[in-house]
């Protein structure tokens, strides 16, 4: 319950005053992976990381965005195979589109929009990985506060791709 309350309070704070600056997504992700590398299962992930650009945004919020997506990929990995996560980005005019694809359990297309609702859980309740239903809602709030968009598409071999756009640096 304490963790849920903390997550809800963090969610409520999002979107306030952003501290805009140039943020190197590659460095941010490398730091995040290094921080989570012990005891979280990241050592068992086949990570395919392409060079990531600098974007304009709030570093703290963008770290939370990446962390939520990567943690979800790990949490919803399929038990019958090694988790693969591919992260890449491409410029699209004045924004950068970032894609984080995995080969995990995925989300059925009909339930993908529902996955962004606060406190929504699209996987069965009571499972080991069961989150509080705040992660993707937080991601949407962060991306929207930065003037971007976020969505879900098919991932690797039945998994999920979380994509989002952010302003270029």
N, C-alpha and C. Protein backbone atom coordinates (compact mmCIF):
# COMPACT_ATOMS: atom_id res chain seq x y z
N UNK A 1 0.83 -1.19 0.00
CA UNK A 1 0.00 0.00 0.00
C UNK A 1 0.87 1.25 0.00
N UNK A 2 1.96 1.19 0.76
CA UNK A 2 2.88 2.33 0.81
C UNK A 2 3.44 2.63 -0.59
N UNK A 3 3.83 1.59 -1.32
CA UNK A 3 4.38 1.78 -2.67
C UNK A 3 3.32 2.38 -3.59
N UNK A 4 2.08 1.94 -3.47
CA UNK A 4 1.00 2.47 -4.30
C UNK A 4 0.78 3.95 -4.01
N UNK A 5 0.76 4.33 -2.76
CA UNK A 5 0.57 5.73 -2.39
C UNK A 5 1.72 6.57 -2.92
N UNK A 6 2.95 6.08 -2.80
CA UNK A 6 4.11 6.81 -3.32
C UNK A 6 4.00 7.01 -4.84
N UNK A 7 3.59 5.95 -5.54
CA UNK A 7 3.44 6.06 -6.99
C UNK A 7 2.33 7.05 -7.36
N UNK A 8 1.23 7.04 -6.64
CA UNK A 8 0.15 7.98 -6.92
C UNK A 8 0.59 9.42 -6.64
N UNK A 9 1.35 9.64 -5.59
CA UNK A 9 1.85 10.98 -5.30
C UNK A 9 2.82 11.45 -6.38
N UNK A 10 3.70 10.55 -6.83
CA UNK A 10 4.61 10.90 -7.93
C UNK A 10 3.83 11.25 -9.19
N UNK A 11 2.79 10.48 -9.47
CA UNK A 11 1.95 10.73 -10.64
C UNK A 11 1.31 12.11 -10.55
N UNK A 12 0.83 12.46 -9.36
CA UNK A 12 0.15 13.74 -9.17
C UNK A 12 1.09 14.92 -9.39
N UNK A 13 2.37 14.74 -9.13
CA UNK A 13 3.35 15.82 -9.29
C UNK A 13 3.74 16.07 -10.73
N UNK A 14 3.53 15.10 -11.60
CA UNK A 14 3.99 15.21 -12.99
C UNK A 14 3.28 16.33 -13.73
N UNK A 15 4.00 16.90 -14.67
CA UNK A 15 3.40 17.89 -15.54
C UNK A 15 3.42 19.29 -14.97
N UNK A 16 4.01 19.48 -13.81
CA UNK A 16 4.12 20.81 -13.24
C UNK A 16 5.16 21.61 -13.99
N UNK A 17 6.02 22.27 -13.29
CA UNK A 17 7.08 23.05 -13.91
C UNK A 17 8.19 22.13 -14.39
N UNK A 18 8.34 22.03 -15.70
CA UNK A 18 9.43 21.22 -16.25
C UNK A 18 10.70 22.04 -16.28
N UNK A 19 11.81 21.39 -16.04
CA UNK A 19 13.12 22.04 -16.12
C UNK A 19 13.71 21.67 -17.47
N UNK A 20 13.42 22.52 -18.46
CA UNK A 20 13.80 22.25 -19.84
C UNK A 20 15.30 22.39 -20.04
N UNK A 21 15.87 21.39 -20.71
CA UNK A 21 17.27 21.43 -21.08
C UNK A 21 17.52 20.35 -22.13
N UNK A 22 18.71 20.30 -22.65
CA UNK A 22 19.09 19.24 -23.58
C UNK A 22 19.41 17.99 -22.76
N UNK A 23 18.79 16.87 -23.12
CA UNK A 23 18.97 15.62 -22.39
C UNK A 23 19.44 14.55 -23.37
N UNK A 24 20.56 13.94 -23.06
CA UNK A 24 21.10 12.86 -23.88
C UNK A 24 20.41 11.56 -23.46
N UNK A 25 19.50 11.07 -24.31
CA UNK A 25 18.75 9.87 -23.97
C UNK A 25 19.66 8.65 -23.84
N UNK A 26 20.72 8.59 -24.64
CA UNK A 26 21.66 7.47 -24.55
C UNK A 26 22.34 7.41 -23.20
N UNK A 27 22.82 8.55 -22.72
CA UNK A 27 23.46 8.60 -21.40
C UNK A 27 22.44 8.30 -20.29
N UNK A 28 21.25 8.85 -20.43
CA UNK A 28 20.21 8.63 -19.43
C UNK A 28 19.87 7.14 -19.33
N UNK A 29 19.73 6.50 -20.47
CA UNK A 29 19.41 5.07 -20.47
C UNK A 29 20.56 4.24 -19.92
N UNK A 30 21.80 4.60 -20.28
CA UNK A 30 22.96 3.87 -19.76
C UNK A 30 23.02 3.98 -18.24
N UNK A 31 22.76 5.17 -17.69
CA UNK A 31 22.74 5.35 -16.24
C UNK A 31 21.63 4.52 -15.60
N UNK A 32 20.48 4.53 -16.22
CA UNK A 32 19.34 3.77 -15.69
C UNK A 32 19.65 2.28 -15.67
N UNK A 33 20.24 1.78 -16.73
CA UNK A 33 20.58 0.35 -16.81
C UNK A 33 21.64 0.01 -15.77
N UNK A 34 22.63 0.87 -15.60
CA UNK A 34 23.68 0.63 -14.60
C UNK A 34 23.09 0.62 -13.19
N UNK A 35 22.15 1.54 -12.92
CA UNK A 35 21.50 1.60 -11.61
C UNK A 35 20.67 0.36 -11.32
N UNK A 36 20.05 -0.21 -12.34
CA UNK A 36 19.13 -1.33 -12.15
C UNK A 36 19.79 -2.67 -12.41
N UNK A 37 21.06 -2.68 -12.75
CA UNK A 37 21.72 -3.91 -13.20
C UNK A 37 21.85 -4.98 -12.12
N UNK A 38 21.82 -4.60 -10.88
CA UNK A 38 22.00 -5.61 -9.83
C UNK A 38 20.65 -5.97 -9.21
N UNK A 39 20.33 -7.25 -9.27
CA UNK A 39 19.16 -7.75 -8.58
C UNK A 39 17.82 -7.53 -9.24
N UNK A 40 17.78 -7.06 -10.49
CA UNK A 40 16.49 -6.80 -11.13
C UNK A 40 16.25 -7.68 -12.33
N UNK A 41 17.17 -8.53 -12.67
CA UNK A 41 16.99 -9.38 -13.83
C UNK A 41 17.49 -8.78 -15.12
N UNK A 42 18.03 -7.55 -15.08
CA UNK A 42 18.50 -6.94 -16.32
C UNK A 42 19.70 -7.67 -16.90
N UNK A 43 20.42 -8.42 -16.08
CA UNK A 43 21.56 -9.17 -16.59
C UNK A 43 21.11 -10.31 -17.50
N UNK A 44 19.86 -10.70 -17.44
CA UNK A 44 19.33 -11.77 -18.27
C UNK A 44 18.60 -11.24 -19.50
N UNK A 45 18.79 -9.98 -19.83
CA UNK A 45 18.11 -9.35 -20.96
C UNK A 45 19.07 -9.20 -22.12
N UNK A 46 18.60 -9.60 -23.30
CA UNK A 46 19.34 -9.36 -24.54
C UNK A 46 18.99 -7.95 -24.99
N UNK A 47 19.82 -6.97 -24.64
CA UNK A 47 19.55 -5.57 -24.91
C UNK A 47 20.20 -5.15 -26.23
N UNK A 48 19.39 -4.67 -27.14
CA UNK A 48 19.86 -4.20 -28.44
C UNK A 48 19.61 -2.70 -28.49
N UNK A 49 20.65 -1.96 -28.20
CA UNK A 49 20.54 -0.52 -28.05
C UNK A 49 21.23 0.20 -29.20
N UNK A 50 20.45 0.92 -29.99
CA UNK A 50 21.00 1.76 -31.05
C UNK A 50 21.31 3.12 -30.45
N UNK A 51 22.17 3.91 -31.11
CA UNK A 51 22.48 5.25 -30.58
C UNK A 51 21.20 6.08 -30.42
N UNK A 52 21.11 6.74 -29.29
CA UNK A 52 19.96 7.58 -29.00
C UNK A 52 20.38 9.05 -29.03
N UNK A 53 19.50 9.94 -29.47
CA UNK A 53 19.83 11.35 -29.62
C UNK A 53 19.63 12.15 -28.34
N UNK A 54 19.94 13.42 -28.46
CA UNK A 54 19.59 14.37 -27.41
C UNK A 54 18.20 14.91 -27.74
N UNK A 55 17.43 15.13 -26.70
CA UNK A 55 16.10 15.72 -26.84
C UNK A 55 16.00 16.92 -25.91
N UNK A 56 14.93 17.66 -26.06
CA UNK A 56 14.67 18.80 -25.17
C UNK A 56 13.62 18.35 -24.17
N UNK A 57 13.97 18.44 -22.87
CA UNK A 57 13.00 18.03 -21.87
C UNK A 57 13.54 18.11 -20.46
N UNK A 58 12.77 17.56 -19.55
CA UNK A 58 13.12 17.53 -18.14
C UNK A 58 13.78 16.18 -17.85
N UNK A 59 15.04 16.20 -17.44
CA UNK A 59 15.80 14.97 -17.25
C UNK A 59 15.16 14.01 -16.24
N UNK A 60 14.66 14.53 -15.15
CA UNK A 60 14.05 13.68 -14.13
C UNK A 60 12.82 12.97 -14.66
N UNK A 61 11.98 13.71 -15.35
CA UNK A 61 10.77 13.11 -15.93
C UNK A 61 11.12 12.09 -17.01
N UNK A 62 12.10 12.42 -17.85
CA UNK A 62 12.46 11.50 -18.92
C UNK A 62 13.09 10.22 -18.37
N UNK A 63 13.82 10.34 -17.28
CA UNK A 63 14.35 9.13 -16.63
C UNK A 63 13.20 8.25 -16.14
N UNK A 64 12.19 8.87 -15.53
CA UNK A 64 11.03 8.10 -15.05
C UNK A 64 10.31 7.44 -16.23
N UNK A 65 10.22 8.13 -17.35
CA UNK A 65 9.59 7.57 -18.55
C UNK A 65 10.32 6.31 -19.00
N UNK A 66 11.63 6.41 -19.19
CA UNK A 66 12.42 5.25 -19.63
C UNK A 66 12.37 4.13 -18.60
N UNK A 67 12.46 4.48 -17.34
CA UNK A 67 12.45 3.47 -16.28
C UNK A 67 11.13 2.69 -16.27
N UNK A 68 10.02 3.38 -16.39
CA UNK A 68 8.72 2.70 -16.40
C UNK A 68 8.62 1.72 -17.56
N UNK A 69 9.09 2.13 -18.73
CA UNK A 69 8.97 1.27 -19.91
C UNK A 69 9.88 0.05 -19.78
N UNK A 70 11.12 0.26 -19.36
CA UNK A 70 12.06 -0.85 -19.23
C UNK A 70 11.61 -1.82 -18.13
N UNK A 71 11.15 -1.30 -17.02
CA UNK A 71 10.68 -2.15 -15.93
C UNK A 71 9.47 -2.97 -16.39
N UNK A 72 8.56 -2.36 -17.15
CA UNK A 72 7.43 -3.11 -17.67
C UNK A 72 7.88 -4.23 -18.59
N UNK A 73 8.87 -3.97 -19.42
CA UNK A 73 9.37 -5.02 -20.32
C UNK A 73 9.89 -6.20 -19.50
N UNK A 74 10.61 -5.92 -18.43
CA UNK A 74 11.14 -6.98 -17.58
C UNK A 74 10.00 -7.68 -16.83
N UNK A 75 9.09 -6.91 -16.30
CA UNK A 75 7.98 -7.45 -15.50
C UNK A 75 7.08 -8.37 -16.33
N UNK A 76 6.90 -8.03 -17.60
CA UNK A 76 5.98 -8.81 -18.44
C UNK A 76 6.72 -9.67 -19.46
N UNK A 77 7.94 -10.09 -19.10
CA UNK A 77 8.69 -11.03 -19.95
C UNK A 77 7.99 -12.37 -19.95
N UNK A 78 8.16 -13.09 -21.02
CA UNK A 78 7.60 -14.45 -21.09
C UNK A 78 8.55 -15.41 -20.39
N UNK A 79 8.03 -16.30 -19.57
CA UNK A 79 8.90 -17.19 -18.80
C UNK A 79 9.58 -18.27 -19.65
N UNK A 80 9.10 -18.47 -20.86
CA UNK A 80 9.62 -19.56 -21.70
C UNK A 80 10.76 -19.14 -22.63
N UNK A 81 11.21 -17.89 -22.54
CA UNK A 81 12.31 -17.46 -23.40
C UNK A 81 13.04 -16.26 -22.81
N UNK A 82 14.26 -16.09 -23.28
CA UNK A 82 15.08 -14.96 -22.84
C UNK A 82 14.48 -13.66 -23.36
N UNK A 83 14.41 -12.67 -22.51
CA UNK A 83 13.84 -11.37 -22.88
C UNK A 83 14.78 -10.63 -23.82
N UNK A 84 14.23 -10.14 -24.92
CA UNK A 84 14.94 -9.26 -25.84
C UNK A 84 14.29 -7.89 -25.80
N UNK A 85 15.10 -6.85 -25.66
CA UNK A 85 14.61 -5.47 -25.69
C UNK A 85 15.45 -4.71 -26.70
N UNK A 86 14.77 -4.08 -27.67
CA UNK A 86 15.45 -3.28 -28.70
C UNK A 86 15.02 -1.83 -28.53
N UNK A 87 16.01 -0.94 -28.44
CA UNK A 87 15.72 0.48 -28.27
C UNK A 87 16.38 1.25 -29.40
N UNK A 88 15.57 2.03 -30.10
CA UNK A 88 16.09 2.82 -31.22
C UNK A 88 15.31 4.12 -31.33
N UNK A 89 15.86 5.03 -32.11
CA UNK A 89 15.21 6.32 -32.31
C UNK A 89 15.47 6.80 -33.73
N UNK A 90 14.53 7.61 -34.22
CA UNK A 90 14.71 8.22 -35.53
C UNK A 90 14.14 9.62 -35.51
N UNK A 91 14.84 10.55 -36.17
CA UNK A 91 14.31 11.92 -36.24
C UNK A 91 13.10 11.97 -37.17
N UNK A 92 12.12 12.75 -36.78
CA UNK A 92 10.91 12.95 -37.58
C UNK A 92 10.58 14.44 -37.56
N UNK A 93 11.33 15.22 -38.32
CA UNK A 93 11.14 16.67 -38.32
C UNK A 93 11.66 17.28 -37.04
N UNK A 94 10.77 17.95 -36.32
CA UNK A 94 11.18 18.63 -35.09
C UNK A 94 11.05 17.77 -33.85
N UNK A 95 10.72 16.50 -34.05
CA UNK A 95 10.62 15.56 -32.94
C UNK A 95 11.47 14.34 -33.23
N UNK A 96 11.72 13.59 -32.18
CA UNK A 96 12.41 12.30 -32.29
C UNK A 96 11.39 11.24 -31.87
N UNK A 97 11.32 10.17 -32.66
CA UNK A 97 10.46 9.04 -32.30
C UNK A 97 11.35 7.96 -31.71
N UNK A 98 11.07 7.57 -30.48
CA UNK A 98 11.82 6.53 -29.78
C UNK A 98 10.93 5.30 -29.70
N UNK A 99 11.52 4.13 -29.98
CA UNK A 99 10.79 2.87 -29.89
C UNK A 99 11.52 1.92 -28.96
N UNK A 100 10.79 1.36 -28.02
CA UNK A 100 11.32 0.35 -27.11
C UNK A 100 10.47 -0.90 -27.32
N UNK A 101 11.06 -1.87 -28.01
CA UNK A 101 10.34 -3.09 -28.38
C UNK A 101 10.86 -4.26 -27.56
N UNK A 102 9.94 -5.17 -27.22
CA UNK A 102 10.35 -6.37 -26.49
C UNK A 102 9.63 -7.59 -27.05
N UNK A 103 10.07 -8.76 -26.61
CA UNK A 103 9.43 -10.01 -27.03
C UNK A 103 8.66 -10.64 -25.87
N UNK A 104 8.12 -9.80 -25.02
CA UNK A 104 7.38 -10.27 -23.84
C UNK A 104 5.95 -10.68 -24.15
N UNK A 105 5.10 -10.51 -23.17
CA UNK A 105 3.70 -10.98 -23.28
C UNK A 105 2.85 -10.12 -24.18
N UNK A 106 3.25 -8.87 -24.40
CA UNK A 106 2.47 -7.99 -25.25
C UNK A 106 1.14 -7.59 -24.63
N UNK A 107 0.40 -6.78 -25.37
CA UNK A 107 -0.94 -6.36 -24.98
C UNK A 107 -1.80 -6.49 -26.23
N UNK A 108 -2.95 -7.15 -26.13
CA UNK A 108 -3.81 -7.28 -27.30
C UNK A 108 -4.17 -5.90 -27.86
N UNK A 109 -4.22 -5.74 -29.19
CA UNK A 109 -4.52 -4.44 -29.78
C UNK A 109 -5.78 -3.78 -29.22
N UNK A 110 -6.80 -4.55 -28.94
CA UNK A 110 -8.05 -3.99 -28.44
C UNK A 110 -7.93 -3.41 -27.04
N UNK A 111 -6.86 -3.74 -26.32
CA UNK A 111 -6.70 -3.26 -24.93
C UNK A 111 -5.57 -2.25 -24.77
N UNK A 112 -4.93 -1.86 -25.87
CA UNK A 112 -3.76 -0.99 -25.78
C UNK A 112 -4.08 0.41 -25.26
N UNK A 113 -5.17 0.99 -25.69
CA UNK A 113 -5.53 2.31 -25.19
C UNK A 113 -5.89 2.24 -23.71
N UNK A 114 -6.57 1.19 -23.32
CA UNK A 114 -6.95 0.97 -21.92
C UNK A 114 -5.71 0.91 -21.02
N UNK A 115 -4.60 0.44 -21.55
CA UNK A 115 -3.37 0.29 -20.76
C UNK A 115 -2.84 1.63 -20.26
N UNK A 116 -3.23 2.74 -20.89
CA UNK A 116 -2.77 4.06 -20.47
C UNK A 116 -3.65 4.70 -19.40
N UNK A 117 -4.75 4.07 -19.06
CA UNK A 117 -5.65 4.62 -18.04
C UNK A 117 -5.04 4.41 -16.65
N UNK A 118 -5.18 5.40 -15.80
CA UNK A 118 -4.66 5.31 -14.44
C UNK A 118 -5.34 4.16 -13.69
N UNK A 119 -4.55 3.35 -13.04
CA UNK A 119 -4.97 2.19 -12.25
C UNK A 119 -5.54 1.05 -13.10
N UNK A 120 -5.29 1.10 -14.39
CA UNK A 120 -5.75 0.02 -15.27
C UNK A 120 -4.69 -1.06 -15.35
N UNK A 121 -5.11 -2.29 -15.27
CA UNK A 121 -4.21 -3.44 -15.42
C UNK A 121 -4.79 -4.33 -16.51
N UNK A 122 -4.06 -4.49 -17.60
CA UNK A 122 -4.57 -5.28 -18.71
C UNK A 122 -4.16 -6.74 -18.61
N UNK A 123 -3.29 -7.07 -17.67
CA UNK A 123 -2.93 -8.47 -17.41
C UNK A 123 -3.68 -8.93 -16.17
N UNK A 124 -3.75 -10.22 -15.97
CA UNK A 124 -4.52 -10.76 -14.85
C UNK A 124 -4.03 -10.24 -13.51
N UNK A 125 -4.99 -9.96 -12.65
CA UNK A 125 -4.67 -9.56 -11.28
C UNK A 125 -4.09 -10.75 -10.51
N UNK A 126 -3.26 -10.45 -9.54
CA UNK A 126 -2.75 -11.49 -8.68
C UNK A 126 -1.56 -12.25 -9.25
N UNK A 127 -1.08 -11.86 -10.41
CA UNK A 127 0.10 -12.53 -10.96
C UNK A 127 1.33 -11.95 -10.31
N UNK A 128 2.44 -12.66 -10.42
CA UNK A 128 3.68 -12.25 -9.78
C UNK A 128 4.09 -10.85 -10.21
N UNK A 129 3.92 -10.55 -11.50
CA UNK A 129 4.40 -9.28 -12.03
C UNK A 129 3.45 -8.13 -11.77
N UNK A 130 2.25 -8.40 -11.30
CA UNK A 130 1.18 -7.42 -11.22
C UNK A 130 1.60 -6.07 -10.69
N UNK A 131 1.52 -5.06 -11.53
CA UNK A 131 1.83 -3.70 -11.12
C UNK A 131 0.57 -3.03 -10.59
N UNK A 132 0.68 -1.76 -10.31
CA UNK A 132 -0.45 -1.01 -9.76
C UNK A 132 -1.28 -0.33 -10.84
N UNK A 133 -0.85 -0.40 -12.09
CA UNK A 133 -1.60 0.26 -13.15
C UNK A 133 -1.31 1.74 -13.24
N UNK A 134 -0.09 2.12 -12.86
CA UNK A 134 0.28 3.53 -12.87
C UNK A 134 1.36 3.82 -13.91
N UNK A 135 2.15 2.81 -14.27
CA UNK A 135 3.32 3.01 -15.13
C UNK A 135 3.04 3.66 -16.47
N UNK A 136 2.16 3.08 -17.28
CA UNK A 136 1.90 3.65 -18.60
C UNK A 136 1.11 4.95 -18.51
N UNK A 137 0.26 5.10 -17.49
CA UNK A 137 -0.42 6.38 -17.29
C UNK A 137 0.60 7.47 -17.00
N UNK A 138 1.61 7.14 -16.21
CA UNK A 138 2.70 8.07 -15.92
C UNK A 138 3.45 8.41 -17.19
N UNK A 139 3.75 7.41 -17.99
CA UNK A 139 4.47 7.64 -19.25
C UNK A 139 3.70 8.60 -20.15
N UNK A 140 2.40 8.38 -20.29
CA UNK A 140 1.61 9.27 -21.15
C UNK A 140 1.63 10.70 -20.60
N UNK A 141 1.52 10.81 -19.30
CA UNK A 141 1.51 12.16 -18.71
C UNK A 141 2.84 12.87 -18.94
N UNK A 142 3.95 12.16 -18.82
CA UNK A 142 5.27 12.75 -19.05
C UNK A 142 5.42 13.18 -20.50
N UNK A 143 5.09 12.28 -21.42
CA UNK A 143 5.25 12.58 -22.84
C UNK A 143 4.36 13.75 -23.24
N UNK A 144 3.12 13.76 -22.78
CA UNK A 144 2.19 14.84 -23.11
C UNK A 144 2.70 16.18 -22.56
N UNK A 145 3.25 16.18 -21.36
CA UNK A 145 3.80 17.41 -20.77
C UNK A 145 4.96 17.95 -21.61
N UNK A 146 5.64 17.06 -22.33
CA UNK A 146 6.74 17.47 -23.20
C UNK A 146 6.28 17.80 -24.62
N UNK A 147 4.98 17.76 -24.86
CA UNK A 147 4.44 18.09 -26.17
C UNK A 147 4.50 16.93 -27.17
N UNK A 148 4.71 15.72 -26.67
CA UNK A 148 4.82 14.57 -27.55
C UNK A 148 3.60 13.68 -27.51
N UNK A 149 3.71 12.55 -28.20
CA UNK A 149 2.66 11.55 -28.22
C UNK A 149 3.27 10.20 -27.89
N UNK A 150 2.42 9.26 -27.47
CA UNK A 150 2.89 7.93 -27.08
C UNK A 150 1.86 6.91 -27.52
N UNK A 151 2.34 5.73 -27.88
CA UNK A 151 1.42 4.68 -28.28
C UNK A 151 2.05 3.31 -28.15
N UNK A 152 1.26 2.30 -28.45
CA UNK A 152 1.69 0.91 -28.37
C UNK A 152 1.42 0.23 -29.70
N UNK A 153 2.38 -0.57 -30.15
CA UNK A 153 2.23 -1.36 -31.37
C UNK A 153 2.81 -2.74 -31.10
N UNK A 154 2.73 -3.59 -32.11
CA UNK A 154 3.30 -4.93 -31.99
C UNK A 154 4.81 -4.84 -31.76
N UNK A 155 5.33 -5.76 -30.98
CA UNK A 155 6.75 -5.82 -30.68
C UNK A 155 7.42 -6.97 -31.40
N UNK A 156 8.45 -7.48 -30.80
CA UNK A 156 9.24 -8.57 -31.36
C UNK A 156 8.55 -9.89 -31.05
N UNK A 157 8.25 -10.66 -32.06
CA UNK A 157 7.72 -12.02 -31.88
C UNK A 157 6.58 -12.09 -30.86
N UNK A 158 5.56 -11.26 -31.04
CA UNK A 158 4.40 -11.28 -30.16
C UNK A 158 4.49 -10.34 -28.97
N UNK A 159 5.58 -9.64 -28.83
CA UNK A 159 5.76 -8.72 -27.70
C UNK A 159 5.11 -7.37 -27.97
N UNK A 160 5.65 -6.36 -27.35
CA UNK A 160 5.07 -5.02 -27.40
C UNK A 160 6.14 -3.99 -27.74
N UNK A 161 5.75 -2.98 -28.49
CA UNK A 161 6.59 -1.81 -28.72
C UNK A 161 5.90 -0.61 -28.11
N UNK A 162 6.61 0.09 -27.24
CA UNK A 162 6.15 1.38 -26.73
C UNK A 162 6.92 2.43 -27.52
N UNK A 163 6.19 3.30 -28.18
CA UNK A 163 6.85 4.37 -28.95
C UNK A 163 6.37 5.72 -28.40
N UNK A 164 7.25 6.70 -28.50
CA UNK A 164 6.87 8.06 -28.09
C UNK A 164 7.69 9.07 -28.86
N UNK A 165 7.18 10.29 -28.93
CA UNK A 165 7.90 11.38 -29.58
C UNK A 165 8.24 12.44 -28.55
N UNK A 166 9.38 13.05 -28.74
CA UNK A 166 9.86 14.14 -27.89
C UNK A 166 10.49 15.21 -28.79
N UNK A 167 10.50 16.47 -28.35
CA UNK A 167 11.12 17.52 -29.17
C UNK A 167 12.64 17.31 -29.25
N UNK A 168 13.20 17.60 -30.44
CA UNK A 168 14.65 17.49 -30.59
C UNK A 168 15.34 18.57 -29.76
N UNK A 169 16.59 18.31 -29.42
CA UNK A 169 17.35 19.26 -28.59
C UNK A 169 17.68 20.52 -29.37
